[in-house]
C-alpha atoms as a PDB file:
ATOM      1  CA  MET A   1      30.753 -19.331   0.983  1.00  0.00           C
ATOM      2  CA  ASN A   2      27.212 -19.264  -0.490  1.00  0.00           C
ATOM      3  CA  ILE A   3      25.805 -17.065  -3.240  1.00  0.00           C
ATOM      4  CA  LEU A   4      24.371 -14.554  -0.730  1.00  0.00           C
ATOM      5  CA  SER A   5      27.795 -13.974   0.804  1.00  0.00           C
ATOM      6  CA  ASN A   6      29.254 -13.396  -2.660  1.00  0.00           C
ATOM      7  CA  LEU A   7      26.501 -10.888  -3.486  1.00  0.00           C
ATOM      8  CA  GLU A   8      27.063  -9.031  -0.212  1.00  0.00           C
ATOM      9  CA  ILE A   9      30.800  -8.825  -0.832  1.00  0.00           C
ATOM     10  CA  GLU A  10      30.231  -7.441  -4.323  1.00  0.00           C
ATOM     11  CA  ILE A  11      27.718  -4.847  -3.067  1.00  0.00           C
ATOM     12  CA  ASN A  12      29.985  -3.776  -0.207  1.00  0.00           C
ATOM     13  CA  GLU A  13      32.928  -3.362  -2.589  1.00  0.00           C
ATOM     14  CA  PHE A  14      30.772  -1.319  -4.953  1.00  0.00           C
ATOM     15  CA  ASN A  15      29.612   0.878  -2.053  1.00  0.00           C
ATOM     16  CA  SER A  16      33.172   1.522  -0.946  1.00  0.00           C
ATOM     17  CA  GLU A  17      34.382   2.379  -4.448  1.00  0.00           C
ATOM     18  CA  ASN A  18      31.398   4.605  -5.305  1.00  0.00           C
ATOM     19  CA  ASN A  19      30.607   6.281  -1.975  1.00  0.00           C
ATOM     20  CA  ILE A  20      27.053   4.928  -1.864  1.00  0.00           C
ATOM     21  CA  THR A  21      25.072   2.769   0.602  1.00  0.00           C
ATOM     22  CA  PHE A  22      23.215   0.015  -1.254  1.00  0.00           C
ATOM     23  CA  SER A  23      21.788  -2.830   0.864  1.00  0.00           C
ATOM     24  CA  ILE A  24      19.839  -6.027   0.260  1.00  0.00           C
ATOM     25  CA  ASP A  25      16.299  -5.829   1.647  1.00  0.00           C
ATOM     26  CA  THR A  26      14.518  -8.808   0.057  1.00  0.00           C
ATOM     27  CA  ILE A  27      15.642 -12.186  -1.273  1.00  0.00           C
ATOM     28  CA  ARG A  28      13.528 -14.448  -3.521  1.00  0.00           C
ATOM     29  CA  THR A  29      14.335 -17.968  -4.647  1.00  0.00           C
ATOM     30  CA  LYS A  30      12.306 -20.397  -6.726  1.00  0.00           C
ATOM     31  CA  PHE A  31      12.801 -24.015  -5.682  1.00  0.00           C
ATOM     32  CA  SER A  32      11.451 -27.541  -6.039  1.00  0.00           C
ATOM     33  CA  LYS A  33       9.518 -28.702  -2.972  1.00  0.00           C
ATOM     34  CA  GLU A  34      10.211 -32.296  -3.942  1.00  0.00           C
ATOM     35  CA  TYR A  35      13.892 -31.955  -3.047  1.00  0.00           C
ATOM     36  CA  LYS A  36      14.147 -29.004  -0.664  1.00  0.00           C
ATOM     37  CA  LEU A  37      11.062 -28.890   1.563  1.00  0.00           C
ATOM     38  CA  LYS A  38      12.062 -31.690   3.921  1.00  0.00           C
ATOM     39  CA  HIS A  39      15.336 -29.903   4.687  1.00  0.00           C
ATOM     40  CA  LEU A  40      13.587 -26.547   5.241  1.00  0.00           C
ATOM     41  CA  LYS A  41      11.190 -28.175   7.730  1.00  0.00           C
ATOM     42  CA  LYS A  42      14.159 -29.294   9.836  1.00  0.00           C
ATOM     43  CA  LEU A  43      14.954 -25.613  10.575  1.00  0.00           C
ATOM     44  CA  GLY A  44      11.759 -25.079  12.600  1.00  0.00           C
ATOM     45  CA  ASN A  45       8.025 -24.513  12.303  1.00  0.00           C
ATOM     46  CA  TRP A  46       6.407 -23.412   9.041  1.00  0.00           C
ATOM     47  CA  HIS A  47       2.735 -22.517   9.579  1.00  0.00           C
ATOM     48  CA  LYS A  48       0.134 -21.943   6.890  1.00  0.00           C
ATOM     49  CA  LEU A  49      -1.314 -18.437   6.703  1.00  0.00           C
ATOM     50  CA  LYS A  50      -5.043 -17.770   6.454  1.00  0.00           C
ATOM     51  CA  LYS A  51      -6.323 -16.805   3.007  1.00  0.00           C
ATOM     52  CA  ASN A  52      -7.238 -13.286   4.142  1.00  0.00           C
ATOM     53  CA  SER A  53      -3.846 -12.541   5.718  1.00  0.00           C
ATOM     54  CA  TYR A  54      -2.040  -9.327   4.784  1.00  0.00           C
ATOM     55  CA  ILE A  55       1.006 -11.178   3.458  1.00  0.00           C
ATOM     56  CA  ILE A  56      -1.024 -13.289   1.032  1.00  0.00           C
ATOM     57  CA  GLN A  57      -2.740 -10.186  -0.325  1.00  0.00           C
ATOM     58  CA  LYS A  58       0.654  -8.468  -0.612  1.00  0.00           C
ATOM     59  CA  LEU A  59       2.130 -11.396  -2.525  1.00  0.00           C
ATOM     60  CA  LYS A  60      -0.841 -11.641  -4.875  1.00  0.00           C
ATOM     61  CA  ARG A  61      -0.468  -7.958  -5.743  1.00  0.00           C
ATOM     62  CA  ARG A  62       3.179  -8.448  -6.658  1.00  0.00           C
ATOM     63  CA  TYR A  63       3.229 -11.815  -8.413  1.00  0.00           C
ATOM     64  CA  VAL A  64       0.792 -11.945 -11.297  1.00  0.00           C
ATOM     65  CA  ASN A  65       2.583 -14.452 -13.514  1.00  0.00           C
ATOM     66  CA  ASP A  66       2.750 -17.330 -11.018  1.00  0.00           C
ATOM     67  CA  GLU A  67      -0.449 -17.169  -9.006  1.00  0.00           C
ATOM     68  CA  VAL A  68      -0.066 -17.610  -5.256  1.00  0.00           C
ATOM     69  CA  THR A  69      -2.104 -20.580  -3.996  1.00  0.00           C
ATOM     70  CA  SER A  70      -0.951 -20.891  -0.364  1.00  0.00           C
ATOM     71  CA  VAL A  71       1.679 -19.291   1.867  1.00  0.00           C
ATOM     72  CA  TYR A  72       3.714 -20.650   4.797  1.00  0.00           C
ATOM     73  CA  GLN A  73       5.584 -18.486   7.314  1.00  0.00           C
ATOM     74  CA  PHE A  74       8.668 -19.546   9.245  1.00  0.00           C
ATOM     75  CA  GLU A  75       7.832 -19.055  12.938  1.00  0.00           C
ATOM     76  CA  ASN A  76       7.336 -15.290  13.500  1.00  0.00           C
ATOM     77  CA  TYR A  77       9.938 -14.059  11.017  1.00  0.00           C
ATOM     78  CA  ASN A  78       9.405 -12.223   7.720  1.00  0.00           C
ATOM     79  CA  ILE A  79      10.327 -15.436   5.934  1.00  0.00           C
ATOM     80  CA  TYR A  80       7.746 -17.119   3.708  1.00  0.00           C
ATOM     81  CA  PHE A  81       7.405 -19.589   0.912  1.00  0.00           C
ATOM     82  CA  TYR A  82       4.421 -19.627  -1.363  1.00  0.00           C
ATOM     83  CA  ASN A  83       3.108 -22.426  -3.518  1.00  0.00           C
ATOM     84  CA  SER A  84       2.075 -21.492  -7.035  1.00  0.00           C
ATOM     85  CA  ASN A  85       0.313 -22.962 -10.031  1.00  0.00           C
ATOM     86  CA  GLU A  86       3.160 -21.940 -12.310  1.00  0.00           C
ATOM     87  CA  ASP A  87       3.978 -25.586 -13.081  1.00  0.00           C
ATOM     88  CA  ARG A  88       0.426 -26.967 -12.959  1.00  0.00           C
ATOM     89  CA  PRO A  89      -0.664 -29.714 -12.955  1.00  0.00           C
ATOM     90  CA  ARG A  90       2.476 -30.870 -11.085  1.00  0.00           C
ATOM     91  CA  TYR A  91       2.346 -28.142  -8.363  1.00  0.00           C
ATOM     92  CA  LYS A  92       5.852 -28.933  -7.173  1.00  0.00           C
ATOM     93  CA  LYS A  93       7.384 -25.454  -7.387  1.00  0.00           C
ATOM     94  CA  ALA A  94       7.454 -22.813  -4.678  1.00  0.00           C
ATOM     95  CA  THR A  95       9.134 -19.475  -4.081  1.00  0.00           C
ATOM     96  CA  MET A  96      10.951 -18.437  -0.916  1.00  0.00           C
ATOM     97  CA  VAL A  97      10.615 -14.743   0.001  1.00  0.00           C
ATOM     98  CA  ILE A  98      12.664 -13.175   2.810  1.00  0.00           C
ATOM     99  CA  PHE A  99      11.477  -9.632   3.574  1.00  0.00           C
ATOM    100  CA  GLY A 100      12.755  -6.826   5.758  1.00  0.00           C
ATOM    101  CA  ILE A 101      16.488  -7.486   5.848  1.00  0.00           C
ATOM    102  CA  LYS A 102      17.099  -3.701   6.022  1.00  0.00           C
ATOM    103  CA  GLN A 103      14.710  -2.308   8.658  1.00  0.00           C
ATOM    104  CA  TYR A 104      14.388   0.393  11.329  1.00  0.00           C
ATOM    105  CA  HIS A 105      11.137  -0.364  13.160  1.00  0.00           C
ATOM    106  CA  LYS A 106      11.763  -4.010  14.070  1.00  0.00           C
ATOM    107  CA  GLU A 107      14.415  -6.713  14.060  1.00  0.00           C
ATOM    108  CA  ALA A 108      15.424  -8.171  10.727  1.00  0.00           C
ATOM    109  CA  PRO A 109      15.499 -11.961  10.228  1.00  0.00           C
ATOM    110  CA  PRO A 110      18.748 -13.340  11.705  1.00  0.00           C
ATOM    111  CA  HIS A 111      21.512 -13.503   9.137  1.00  0.00           C
ATOM    112  CA  SER A 112      22.510 -16.965  10.377  1.00  0.00           C
ATOM    113  CA  LEU A 113      18.999 -18.248   9.628  1.00  0.00           C
ATOM    114  CA  ILE A 114      19.011 -16.671   6.163  1.00  0.00           C
ATOM    115  CA  ASP A 115      22.379 -18.328   5.494  1.00  0.00           C
ATOM    116  CA  LYS A 116      20.941 -21.732   6.435  1.00  0.00           C
ATOM    117  CA  ILE A 117      17.971 -21.282   4.098  1.00  0.00           C
ATOM    118  CA  ILE A 118      20.152 -20.183   1.173  1.00  0.00           C
ATOM    119  CA  ALA A 119      22.513 -23.110   1.851  1.00  0.00           C
ATOM    120  CA  ILE A 120      19.552 -25.473   1.414  1.00  0.00           C
ATOM    121  CA  LEU A 121      18.131 -23.763  -1.676  1.00  0.00           C
ATOM    122  CA  LYS A 122      21.590 -23.190  -3.244  1.00  0.00           C
ATOM    123  CA  ASN A 123      20.270 -20.401  -5.442  1.00  0.00           C
ATOM    124  CA  ILE A 124      18.863 -16.853  -5.454  1.00  0.00           C
ATOM    125  CA  THR A 125      16.410 -15.842  -8.187  1.00  0.00           C
ATOM    126  CA  ASN A 126      16.332 -12.102  -7.491  1.00  0.00           C
ATOM    127  CA  ILE A 127      16.933  -9.532  -4.768  1.00  0.00           C
ATOM    128  CA  ASP A 128      15.704  -6.072  -3.861  1.00  0.00           C
ATOM    129  CA  ILE A 129      18.632  -3.674  -3.537  1.00  0.00           C
ATOM    130  CA  CYS A 130      17.687  -0.521  -1.642  1.00  0.00           C
ATOM    131  CA  ILE A 131      19.001   2.854  -0.577  1.00  0.00           C
ATOM    132  CA  ASP A 132      17.346   5.212   1.937  1.00  0.00           C
ATOM    133  CA  ILE A 133      17.365   9.016   1.845  1.00  0.00           C
ATOM    134  CA  ASP A 134      15.975  11.648   4.217  1.00  0.00           C
ATOM    135  CA  ARG A 135      13.901  13.585   1.665  1.00  0.00           C
ATOM    136  CA  LYS A 136      11.271  12.938  -0.975  1.00  0.00           C
ATOM    137  CA  PRO A 137      12.967  12.101  -4.284  1.00  0.00           C
ATOM    138  CA  ASN A 138      12.455  14.412  -7.237  1.00  0.00           C
ATOM    139  CA  ILE A 139       9.740  12.441  -9.041  1.00  0.00           C
ATOM    140  CA  GLU A 140       9.412  15.073 -11.762  1.00  0.00           C
ATOM    141  CA  SER A 141      13.068  14.755 -12.740  1.00  0.00           C
ATOM    142  CA  ILE A 142      12.902  10.998 -13.311  1.00  0.00           C
ATOM    143  CA  SER A 143       9.573  11.339 -15.142  1.00  0.00           C
ATOM    144  CA  CYS A 144      11.567  12.939 -17.958  1.00  0.00           C
ATOM    145  CA  TYR A 145      13.379   9.628 -18.498  1.00  0.00           C
ATOM    146  CA  TYR A 146      11.034   6.920 -17.186  1.00  0.00           C
ATOM    147  CA  ASN A 147       7.337   6.138 -17.087  1.00  0.00           C
ATOM    148  CA  VAL A 148       6.531   6.650 -13.380  1.00  0.00           C
ATOM    149  CA  ASN A 149       3.280   5.159 -12.043  1.00  0.00           C
ATOM    150  CA  GLN A 150       1.893   6.298  -8.697  1.00  0.00           C
ATOM    151  CA  PHE A 151       0.081   3.638  -6.691  1.00  0.00           C
ATOM    152  CA  ILE A 152      -3.648   4.379  -6.559  1.00  0.00           C
ATOM    153  CA  LYS A 153      -6.230   2.317  -4.680  1.00  0.00           C
ATOM    154  CA  ASN A 154      -9.930   3.085  -4.274  1.00  0.00           C
ATOM    155  CA  GLY A 155      -9.331   6.584  -5.618  1.00  0.00           C
ATOM    156  CA  MET A 156      -6.589   7.320  -3.068  1.00  0.00           C
ATOM    157  CA  PHE A 157      -3.094   8.361  -4.186  1.00  0.00           C
ATOM    158  CA  TYR A 158      -0.385   6.681  -2.097  1.00  0.00           C
ATOM    159  CA  ARG A 159       3.212   7.769  -1.480  1.00  0.00           C
ATOM    160  CA  THR A 160       4.486   4.918  -3.639  1.00  0.00           C
ATOM    161  CA  TYR A 161       5.759   5.055  -7.220  1.00  0.00           C
ATOM    162  CA  TYR A 162       6.666   2.261  -9.637  1.00  0.00           C
ATOM    163  CA  ILE A 163       8.912   2.181 -12.678  1.00  0.00           C
ATOM    164  CA  ASN A 164       8.202  -1.040 -14.549  1.00  0.00           C
ATOM    165  CA  GLU A 165      10.336  -0.318 -17.630  1.00  0.00           C
ATOM    166  CA  THR A 166      13.930   0.262 -16.527  1.00  0.00           C
ATOM    167  CA  TYR A 167      15.759  -0.317 -19.846  1.00  0.00           C
ATOM    168  CA  ASN A 168      17.958  -2.888 -18.122  1.00  0.00           C
ATOM    169  CA  ASP A 169      17.273  -6.630 -18.405  1.00  0.00           C
ATOM    170  CA  MET A 170      18.559  -7.341 -14.906  1.00  0.00           C
ATOM    171  CA  ILE A 171      16.569  -4.568 -13.172  1.00  0.00           C
ATOM    172  CA  GLU A 172      12.983  -5.758 -13.357  1.00  0.00           C
ATOM    173  CA  ARG A 173      11.380  -2.874 -11.472  1.00  0.00           C
ATOM    174  CA  ILE A 174      12.220   0.200  -9.370  1.00  0.00           C
ATOM    175  CA  THR A 175      10.001   1.242  -6.474  1.00  0.00           C
ATOM    176  CA  ILE A 176      10.076   4.541  -4.581  1.00  0.00           C
ATOM    177  CA  TYR A 177       8.059   4.946  -1.396  1.00  0.00           C
ATOM    178  CA  ASP A 178       7.740   6.873   1.849  1.00  0.00           C
ATOM    179  CA  LYS A 179       9.164   4.365   4.325  1.00  0.00           C
ATOM    180  CA  ALA A 180       8.666   6.670   7.299  1.00  0.00           C
ATOM    181  CA  TYR A 181       4.937   6.780   6.544  1.00  0.00           C
ATOM    182  CA  LYS A 182       4.705   3.036   5.857  1.00  0.00           C
ATOM    183  CA  ASN A 183       6.534   1.970   9.025  1.00  0.00           C
ATOM    184  CA  LYS A 184       5.404   4.877  11.263  1.00  0.00           C
ATOM    185  CA  LEU A 185       8.941   6.130  11.828  1.00  0.00           C
ATOM    186  CA  ASP A 186       9.556   9.376  13.738  1.00  0.00           C
ATOM    187  CA  PHE A 187      12.053  10.701  11.185  1.00  0.00           C
ATOM    188  CA  PRO A 188      11.827  11.392   7.433  1.00  0.00           C
ATOM    189  CA  LEU A 189      12.880   8.464   5.244  1.00  0.00           C
ATOM    190  CA  TRP A 190      12.222   7.533   1.641  1.00  0.00           C
ATOM    191  CA  ARG A 191      13.341   4.233   0.133  1.00  0.00           C
ATOM    192  CA  ILE A 192      14.342   3.557  -3.459  1.00  0.00           C
ATOM    193  CA  GLU A 193      14.679  -0.117  -4.303  1.00  0.00           C
ATOM    194  CA  ALA A 194      15.486  -2.074  -7.441  1.00  0.00           C
ATOM    195  CA  LYS A 195      14.358  -5.637  -8.053  1.00  0.00           C
ATOM    196  CA  VAL A 196      17.455  -7.213  -9.595  1.00  0.00           C
ATOM    197  CA  ASN A 197      17.461 -10.598 -11.343  1.00  0.00           C
ATOM    198  CA  ILE A 198      20.461 -12.774 -10.461  1.00  0.00           C
ATOM    199  CA  PRO A 199      21.584 -15.159 -13.244  1.00  0.00           C
ATOM    200  CA  ASN A 200      24.777 -15.679 -11.206  1.00  0.00           C
ATOM    201  CA  ALA A 201      26.684 -13.972  -8.399  1.00  0.00           C
ATOM    202  CA  LYS A 202      29.269 -12.305 -10.615  1.00  0.00           C
ATOM    203  CA  VAL A 203      27.106 -10.058 -12.766  1.00  0.00           C
ATOM    204  CA  LEU A 204      26.028  -7.340 -10.343  1.00  0.00           C
ATOM    205  CA  ALA A 205      28.373  -4.648 -11.623  1.00  0.00           C
ATOM    206  CA  LEU A 206      26.136  -3.498 -14.487  1.00  0.00           C
ATOM    207  CA  PRO A 207      22.820  -3.218 -12.567  1.00  0.00           C
ATOM    208  CA  LEU A 208      24.581  -1.561  -9.616  1.00  0.00           C
ATOM    209  CA  HIS A 209      26.066   1.104 -11.897  1.00  0.00           C
ATOM    210  CA  GLU A 210      22.708   1.554 -13.634  1.00  0.00           C
ATOM    211  CA  PHE A 211      20.938   1.898 -10.281  1.00  0.00           C
ATOM    212  CA  LYS A 212      23.521   4.425  -9.104  1.00  0.00           C
ATOM    213  CA  ASP A 213      22.948   6.506 -12.251  1.00  0.00           C
ATOM    214  CA  PHE A 214      19.230   6.384 -11.526  1.00  0.00           C
ATOM    215  CA  ILE A 215      19.779   7.568  -7.931  1.00  0.00           C
ATOM    216  CA  ASN A 216      21.806  10.503  -9.237  1.00  0.00           C
ATOM    217  CA  LEU A 217      18.695  11.745 -11.074  1.00  0.00           C
ATOM    218  CA  LEU A 218      16.846  12.170  -7.794  1.00  0.00           C
END
């Protein structure tokens, strides 16, 4: 049983005991290309994305500390690894990002494929844990406790909000956004997701309880 399976078991047990529906939506893992890349290539085709691709721009917006230099996608799935200059001048480190595990508008990456990737990498750096609700969260209520930043681009205010100071070392960031609008769904849906750092697979209890308390404010 790999670390992902252990995390899923812990989340499912927490959901059952607390009457809540947390899910994993994104997995990220830092790894050494020197030892892992040849095994990843045996799974199928990894193709390099063009510099102006949407995914590269998305990654560059999210990862400011380890600059994205190039991105490879696995076939047509939402599975990518990006090279970075975090360890320059060696340039041997990369980060695997698996998006869209919890989706409504298209198929998620096959769980069997994700299991194979995690079995090769043998580690998970952090995950996005999400919960979906059918109404807009009460942004004003959480603004009394957290510094909430609305995403603004070119003078336009988007239906996305960030909380970058969560007062919990394992929860790096919380994001709230209108998923129905983003994915053109025909029903109301807002997503709240927490980026949770994973030092090991047995320490999820605290961030899950903290995230649940946050959800209760909405």
